[in-house]
Amino acid sequence: MPAAALPPALPLRDRRLTLIGLVLISLLMPLANGGPWALQSVAHFSVAWLCSLVYTLVLGLGNREIWRQLQRRYPQVAQTRQRLWWLGISSVAYTSLATVLLTLGLGLVPGGGTTSPPALLLIAAINLVPTLVVLLVYESRHSFQQWEENQHRADQLAQAQTQAQLDALAQQLDPHFLFNSLNTLAALIEPANEPAQHYVEGLADVYRYVLLSRERPTVPLAEELAFVQTYVALQKVRFRDNVLVHYDVPPAALGRHVAPLSVQVLVENAFKHNEASRARPLHLRLVVDAAGTALRVENTWQPRPAGLVPGTGTGLANVRQRYALLGAPAPVAVEQAAGIFAVVLPLLPTA
């Protein structure tokens, strides 16, 4: 479920409307199939209405619960066909069985009707018609709500991407200008100075990736990890062997997608907020779980000495929001225990 979200319980107003609707239907049923017997007197109509009310409540509430359980089991839009098949089969089976049992029981009541097989079959068929119509209304309303939610999520994602681009333009140099300047600087460095050449080329690669990925909602994990490796290489020029990075990513997971720069933000936060020294080296691990559904980015939790500006949590909050807007199969999870800080990113299906 996007992530496995369950259908919410009916609000009090909706529950009242449902019960009122069932009662009104039960009042109409004696007129539709009660026959002359139900109209002979107020007492006859009362008996017919009470029998009809039992049918309506049992069938109406029971079928609605079947619908809710199937919504829990098959909540995705792609599962609509499968859900409808099970809904049809379950509703017909439940309505038929409940009708037979109720009719056999109510057949003992004066005016409750006959219990002959043809009569049971007719009553079951009559009850199936309004039942399926009501379920169709429920399903149509639910499908429309899903469409509205998906449309709203897409609009929010587009707004978030636009705002991120505006923020980048307001706070940073034009990436194109900086990227071209780095290439020019690399050409001016003496060929013999290979470390400087590699460093500038790495910076250019970083900005190339930013330029190429900022217009894309998701990128393959392979591309994001290649960018992270370049970013880590630049950081290790400063921290040297005080930073140790371990990757455990099976080839099968490299085709899955992530939000661009999301993994880099987590790695950057590890450098920004933790000490990395010879006495206390910073350990980073990027590991995909055995199921291939999530990437875990963890680091040793060793906050820098007091006096530095504390983190605002904005980067991690933005990552969470982006994955929620992308309809990730699970939320971004944060764990901190036993000297380890970890963030688990759900891997997205191939776009």
Protein backbone atom coordinates (compact mmCIF):
# COMPACT_ATOMS: atom_id res chain seq x y z
CA MET A 1 0.00 0.00 0.00
CA PRO A 2 1.70 3.43 -0.76
CA ALA A 3 2.81 2.69 1.36
CA ALA A 4 0.73 0.29 2.69
CA ALA A 5 -1.71 2.81 4.06
CA LEU A 6 -4.96 1.37 5.35
CA PRO A 7 -8.38 2.79 4.40
CA PRO A 8 -9.44 5.14 7.22
CA ALA A 9 -12.40 4.34 9.40
CA LEU A 10 -15.67 5.97 8.40
CA PRO A 11 -16.12 9.45 9.91
CA LEU A 12 -19.07 9.75 12.29
CA ARG A 13 -21.08 11.72 9.70
CA ASP A 14 -20.52 9.04 7.02
CA ARG A 15 -21.46 6.27 9.44
CA ARG A 16 -24.71 8.05 10.23
CA LEU A 17 -25.49 8.55 6.54
CA THR A 18 -24.77 4.87 5.86
CA LEU A 19 -27.12 3.73 8.61
CA ILE A 20 -29.82 6.21 7.54
CA GLY A 21 -29.50 5.01 3.93
CA LEU A 22 -29.84 1.37 5.00
CA VAL A 23 -32.94 2.16 7.06
CA LEU A 24 -34.54 4.00 4.12
CA ILE A 25 -33.79 1.07 1.80
CA SER A 26 -35.34 -1.29 4.33
CA LEU A 27 -38.52 0.82 4.28
CA LEU A 28 -38.76 0.57 0.50
CA MET A 29 -38.12 -3.17 0.27
CA PRO A 30 -41.54 -4.26 1.71
CA LEU A 31 -43.23 -2.15 -0.95
CA ALA A 32 -41.08 -3.71 -3.68
CA ASN A 33 -41.33 -7.39 -2.76
CA GLY A 34 -43.57 -7.64 0.33
CA GLY A 35 -46.68 -8.23 -1.73
CA PRO A 36 -50.23 -7.48 -0.63
CA TRP A 37 -49.61 -9.13 2.72
CA ALA A 38 -47.33 -6.28 3.85
CA LEU A 39 -49.97 -3.66 3.01
CA GLN A 40 -52.90 -5.26 4.84
CA SER A 41 -52.30 -3.33 8.05
CA VAL A 42 -49.75 -1.36 10.06
CA ALA A 43 -48.89 -4.52 11.99
CA HIS A 44 -48.28 -6.47 8.80
CA PHE A 45 -46.13 -3.67 7.40
CA SER A 46 -44.16 -3.45 10.66
CA VAL A 47 -43.35 -7.16 10.54
CA ALA A 48 -42.36 -6.91 6.87
CA TRP A 49 -40.24 -3.83 7.60
CA LEU A 50 -38.45 -5.49 10.54
CA CYS A 51 -37.63 -8.49 8.34
CA SER A 52 -36.43 -6.14 5.60
CA LEU A 53 -34.34 -4.17 8.13
CA VAL A 54 -32.58 -7.37 9.23
CA TYR A 55 -31.75 -8.20 5.60
CA THR A 56 -30.58 -4.68 4.83
CA LEU A 57 -28.33 -4.28 7.87
CA VAL A 58 -26.76 -7.74 7.61
CA LEU A 59 -26.18 -7.53 3.86
CA GLY A 60 -25.30 -3.82 3.75
CA LEU A 61 -22.84 -3.74 6.66
CA GLY A 62 -21.39 -7.16 5.82
CA ASN A 63 -20.71 -6.29 2.19
CA ARG A 64 -19.24 -2.96 3.16
CA GLU A 65 -16.83 -4.71 5.53
CA ILE A 66 -15.84 -7.07 2.70
CA TRP A 67 -15.14 -4.01 0.54
CA ARG A 68 -13.03 -2.40 3.29
CA GLN A 69 -11.00 -5.56 3.85
CA LEU A 70 -10.30 -5.85 0.12
CA GLN A 71 -9.25 -2.20 0.10
CA ARG A 72 -6.72 -3.08 2.79
CA ARG A 73 -5.49 -6.11 0.85
CA TYR A 74 -5.39 -4.51 -2.63
CA PRO A 75 -5.08 -0.73 -2.16
CA GLN A 76 -3.04 0.17 -5.25
CA VAL A 77 -4.54 1.54 -8.45
CA ALA A 78 -2.75 -1.23 -10.36
CA GLN A 79 -4.59 -3.78 -8.19
CA THR A 80 -8.07 -2.47 -9.09
CA ARG A 81 -8.87 -5.32 -11.48
CA GLN A 82 -7.83 -7.94 -8.93
CA ARG A 83 -9.81 -6.20 -6.17
CA LEU A 84 -12.96 -5.98 -8.30
CA TRP A 85 -12.81 -9.69 -9.15
CA TRP A 86 -12.55 -10.64 -5.50
CA LEU A 87 -15.21 -8.09 -4.57
CA GLY A 88 -17.68 -9.59 -7.06
CA ILE A 89 -17.00 -13.18 -5.99
CA SER A 90 -17.05 -12.40 -2.26
CA SER A 91 -20.16 -10.23 -2.47
CA VAL A 92 -22.17 -12.79 -4.45
CA ALA A 93 -21.11 -15.61 -2.11
CA TYR A 94 -21.78 -13.64 1.08
CA THR A 95 -25.08 -12.17 -0.10
CA SER A 96 -26.38 -15.54 -1.30
CA LEU A 97 -25.36 -17.40 1.86
CA ALA A 98 -26.63 -14.68 4.20
CA THR A 99 -29.92 -14.47 2.29
CA VAL A 100 -30.50 -18.21 2.56
CA LEU A 101 -29.73 -18.29 6.29
CA LEU A 102 -31.81 -15.20 7.06
CA THR A 103 -34.73 -16.43 4.97
CA LEU A 104 -34.71 -19.83 6.66
CA GLY A 105 -34.70 -18.09 10.03
CA LEU A 106 -37.30 -15.47 9.19
CA GLY A 107 -39.50 -18.08 7.51
CA LEU A 108 -40.65 -19.00 10.98
CA VAL A 109 -42.07 -15.48 11.44
CA PRO A 110 -45.60 -14.77 10.13
CA GLY A 111 -45.15 -12.90 6.87
CA GLY A 112 -41.48 -13.84 6.79
CA GLY A 113 -41.91 -15.64 3.48
CA THR A 114 -41.55 -19.12 2.12
CA THR A 115 -38.40 -21.21 2.30
CA SER A 116 -38.83 -23.16 -0.94
CA PRO A 117 -35.70 -23.36 -3.15
CA PRO A 118 -37.20 -21.23 -5.96
CA ALA A 119 -38.19 -18.58 -3.44
CA LEU A 120 -34.70 -18.60 -1.87
CA LEU A 121 -33.12 -18.20 -5.30
CA LEU A 122 -35.44 -15.31 -6.17
CA ILE A 123 -34.83 -13.48 -2.89
CA ALA A 124 -31.06 -13.91 -3.27
CA ALA A 125 -31.20 -12.51 -6.81
CA ILE A 126 -33.32 -9.56 -5.67
CA ASN A 127 -30.89 -8.79 -2.82
CA LEU A 128 -27.87 -8.97 -5.12
CA VAL A 129 -29.07 -6.11 -7.32
CA PRO A 130 -29.05 -3.27 -4.73
CA THR A 131 -25.99 -4.78 -3.06
CA LEU A 132 -23.90 -4.65 -6.22
CA VAL A 133 -25.18 -1.18 -7.08
CA VAL A 134 -24.14 0.17 -3.66
CA LEU A 135 -20.71 -1.49 -3.92
CA LEU A 136 -20.27 0.03 -7.37
CA VAL A 137 -20.97 3.46 -5.86
CA TYR A 138 -18.39 2.83 -3.11
CA GLU A 139 -15.76 1.68 -5.61
CA SER A 140 -16.41 4.60 -7.98
CA ARG A 141 -16.10 7.08 -5.14
CA HIS A 142 -12.90 5.45 -3.92
CA SER A 143 -11.37 5.45 -7.43
CA PHE A 144 -12.18 9.13 -7.83
CA GLN A 145 -10.57 9.91 -4.47
CA GLN A 146 -7.44 7.97 -5.49
CA TRP A 147 -7.28 9.96 -8.72
CA GLU A 148 -7.62 13.23 -6.79
CA GLU A 149 -4.87 12.19 -4.34
CA ASN A 150 -2.50 11.17 -7.13
CA GLN A 151 -3.16 14.44 -8.96
CA HIS A 152 -2.57 16.42 -5.77
CA ARG A 153 0.66 14.49 -5.10
CA ALA A 154 1.90 15.18 -8.63
CA ASP A 155 1.12 18.89 -8.24
CA GLN A 156 2.96 19.02 -4.90
CA LEU A 157 6.00 17.27 -6.39
CA ALA A 158 6.10 19.69 -9.30
CA GLN A 159 5.84 22.64 -6.89
CA ALA A 160 8.59 21.21 -4.68
CA GLN A 161 10.92 20.76 -7.66
CA THR A 162 10.18 24.28 -8.90
CA GLN A 163 10.81 25.74 -5.44
CA ALA A 164 14.07 23.82 -5.12
CA GLN A 165 15.25 25.24 -8.43
CA LEU A 166 14.25 28.78 -7.37
CA ASP A 167 16.09 28.37 -4.05
CA ALA A 168 19.20 27.12 -5.84
CA LEU A 169 19.14 30.10 -8.20
CA ALA A 170 18.65 32.53 -5.32
CA GLN A 171 21.43 31.14 -3.13
CA GLN A 172 24.08 29.86 -5.50
CA LEU A 173 26.08 30.81 -8.52
CA ASP A 174 24.69 29.70 -11.85
CA PRO A 175 25.76 26.01 -12.00
CA HIS A 176 26.49 26.35 -15.72
CA PHE A 177 28.90 29.19 -15.02
CA LEU A 178 30.62 27.32 -12.21
CA PHE A 179 30.80 24.09 -14.23
CA ASN A 180 32.39 25.87 -17.20
CA SER A 181 34.77 27.73 -14.89
CA LEU A 182 35.96 24.47 -13.35
CA ASN A 183 36.67 23.04 -16.79
CA THR A 184 38.66 26.17 -17.63
CA LEU A 185 40.57 25.91 -14.35
CA ALA A 186 41.41 22.26 -15.06
CA ALA A 187 42.92 23.32 -18.40
CA LEU A 188 45.11 25.93 -16.64
CA ILE A 189 46.58 23.50 -14.10
CA GLU A 190 49.98 22.13 -14.95
CA PRO A 191 49.74 18.58 -16.35
CA ALA A 192 52.29 17.39 -13.81
CA ASN A 193 50.00 18.34 -10.93
CA GLU A 194 47.78 15.28 -11.17
CA PRO A 195 46.14 15.58 -7.70
CA ALA A 196 44.91 19.08 -8.52
CA GLN A 197 43.73 17.92 -11.94
CA HIS A 198 41.76 15.05 -10.42
CA TYR A 199 40.26 17.27 -7.73
CA VAL A 200 39.00 19.88 -10.18
CA GLU A 201 37.69 17.18 -12.51
CA GLY A 202 35.84 15.65 -9.58
CA LEU A 203 34.26 19.02 -8.78
CA ALA A 204 33.21 19.36 -12.41
CA ASP A 205 31.66 15.89 -12.30
CA VAL A 206 29.69 16.88 -9.20
CA TYR A 207 28.19 19.90 -10.90
CA ARG A 208 27.59 17.98 -14.11
CA TYR A 209 25.48 15.50 -12.16
CA VAL A 210 23.58 18.31 -10.43
CA LEU A 211 22.79 19.88 -13.79
CA LEU A 212 21.68 16.62 -15.37
CA SER A 213 19.59 15.34 -12.44
CA ARG A 214 17.77 18.41 -11.21
CA GLU A 215 15.08 18.10 -13.91
CA ARG A 216 14.46 14.40 -13.22
CA PRO A 217 12.14 13.18 -10.42
CA THR A 218 14.16 9.96 -9.96
CA VAL A 219 17.49 8.55 -11.10
CA PRO A 220 18.91 5.00 -11.17
CA LEU A 221 20.69 3.98 -7.97
CA ALA A 222 23.81 3.25 -10.04
CA GLU A 223 24.03 6.91 -11.12
CA GLU A 224 23.44 8.24 -7.62
CA LEU A 225 26.11 5.96 -6.12
CA ALA A 226 28.63 6.93 -8.79
CA PHE A 227 28.00 10.56 -7.88
CA VAL A 228 28.31 9.76 -4.15
CA GLN A 229 31.65 8.04 -4.77
CA THR A 230 32.92 11.15 -6.54
CA TYR A 231 31.66 13.32 -3.71
CA VAL A 232 33.31 11.09 -1.09
CA ALA A 233 36.60 11.16 -3.04
CA LEU A 234 36.57 14.96 -2.87
CA GLN A 235 35.92 14.86 0.87
CA LYS A 236 38.72 12.37 1.44
CA VAL A 237 41.19 14.88 0.01
CA ARG A 238 40.41 16.86 3.15
CA PHE A 239 39.82 14.06 5.66
CA ARG A 240 42.18 11.45 4.14
CA ASP A 241 42.07 8.12 5.99
CA ASN A 242 39.91 9.57 8.75
CA VAL A 243 36.87 8.56 6.71
CA LEU A 244 36.15 4.91 5.89
CA VAL A 245 33.35 4.09 3.46
CA HIS A 246 31.89 0.66 2.75
CA TYR A 247 29.44 -0.15 -0.05
CA ASP A 248 27.34 -3.33 -0.11
CA VAL A 249 25.02 -2.99 -3.08
CA PRO A 250 24.17 -6.05 -5.21
CA PRO A 251 24.13 -5.49 -8.99
CA ALA A 252 20.43 -6.37 -9.14
CA ALA A 253 19.59 -3.28 -7.05
CA LEU A 254 21.48 -0.80 -9.22
CA GLY A 255 18.58 -0.51 -11.65
CA ARG A 256 16.15 0.61 -8.92
CA HIS A 257 15.56 4.35 -8.59
CA VAL A 258 16.05 6.97 -5.89
CA ALA A 259 15.32 10.68 -5.66
CA PRO A 260 18.31 12.57 -7.15
CA LEU A 261 20.85 13.85 -4.60
CA SER A 262 18.95 12.15 -1.74
CA VAL A 263 21.76 9.70 -0.93
CA GLN A 264 24.35 12.48 -1.27
CA VAL A 265 22.46 14.62 1.24
CA LEU A 266 22.67 11.84 3.83
CA VAL A 267 26.39 11.35 3.20
CA GLU A 268 26.94 15.11 3.36
CA ASN A 269 25.12 15.28 6.70
CA ALA A 270 27.43 12.59 8.07
CA PHE A 271 30.48 14.72 7.18
CA LYS A 272 28.85 17.92 8.39
CA HIS A 273 27.69 16.82 11.83
CA ASN A 274 30.26 14.21 12.92
CA GLU A 275 33.88 14.26 13.94
CA ALA A 276 36.34 12.60 11.56
CA SER A 277 39.83 12.40 13.05
CA ARG A 278 42.65 9.94 13.40
CA ALA A 279 41.51 9.17 16.95
CA ARG A 280 37.88 8.88 15.93
CA PRO A 281 37.55 7.95 12.25
CA LEU A 282 34.15 8.35 10.66
CA HIS A 283 32.67 5.10 9.33
CA LEU A 284 30.07 5.23 6.56
CA ARG A 285 28.13 2.23 5.25
CA LEU A 286 25.75 2.15 2.29
CA VAL A 287 23.93 -1.19 2.23
CA VAL A 288 20.95 -2.52 0.28
CA ASP A 289 18.78 -4.95 2.26
CA ALA A 290 18.44 -8.62 1.34
CA ALA A 291 15.09 -8.04 -0.34
CA GLY A 292 16.54 -5.30 -2.55
CA THR A 293 13.82 -2.84 -1.51
CA ALA A 294 15.71 -0.28 0.61
CA LEU A 295 19.09 1.42 0.90
CA ARG A 296 20.46 1.94 4.40
CA VAL A 297 22.92 4.83 4.85
CA GLU A 298 24.52 4.69 8.27
CA ASN A 299 27.42 6.39 10.00
CA THR A 300 29.05 6.33 13.40
CA TRP A 301 27.34 8.86 15.65
CA GLN A 302 30.11 11.08 17.03
CA PRO A 303 28.89 14.71 17.04
CA ARG A 304 31.44 17.44 16.59
CA PRO A 305 32.51 19.46 19.64
CA ALA A 306 30.12 22.07 21.00
CA GLY A 307 30.24 25.52 19.52
CA LEU A 308 29.53 24.57 15.93
CA VAL A 309 26.25 25.57 14.35
CA PRO A 310 23.70 22.76 15.01
CA GLY A 311 21.91 21.12 12.13
CA THR A 312 18.43 22.34 11.25
CA GLY A 313 17.13 19.00 9.94
CA THR A 314 16.01 20.70 6.74
CA GLY A 315 17.92 18.34 4.43
CA LEU A 316 16.44 15.19 5.96
CA ALA A 317 12.96 16.74 6.08
CA ASN A 318 13.20 17.57 2.37
CA VAL A 319 14.26 14.00 1.59
CA ARG A 320 11.27 12.64 3.49
CA GLN A 321 8.90 15.00 1.70
CA ARG A 322 10.26 14.12 -1.74
CA TYR A 323 9.86 10.39 -1.19
CA ALA A 324 6.33 10.89 0.14
CA LEU A 325 5.42 12.91 -2.94
CA LEU A 326 6.98 10.26 -5.19
CA GLY A 327 4.60 7.69 -3.68
CA ALA A 328 7.39 5.59 -2.16
CA PRO A 329 6.29 2.09 -1.03
CA ALA A 330 7.49 2.90 2.51
CA PRO A 331 8.36 6.10 4.39
CA VAL A 332 11.94 7.23 4.95
CA ALA A 333 12.99 5.74 8.30
CA VAL A 334 15.50 7.23 10.75
CA GLU A 335 17.27 5.12 13.36
CA GLN A 336 19.72 6.12 16.10
CA ALA A 337 21.06 3.59 18.60
CA ALA A 338 24.31 2.18 19.96
CA GLY A 339 26.45 4.95 18.49
CA ILE A 340 24.99 4.53 14.98
CA PHE A 341 22.85 6.98 13.02
CA ALA A 342 21.06 5.50 10.01
CA VAL A 343 18.52 6.54 7.41
CA VAL A 344 16.67 3.94 5.34
CA LEU A 345 15.58 5.05 1.88
CA PRO A 346 12.98 2.96 0.04
CA LEU A 347 14.12 2.00 -3.45
CA LEU A 348 11.65 3.12 -6.08
CA PRO A 349 10.51 1.01 -9.05
CA THR A 350 12.22 1.54 -12.36
CA ALA A 351 10.73 4.61 -14.00
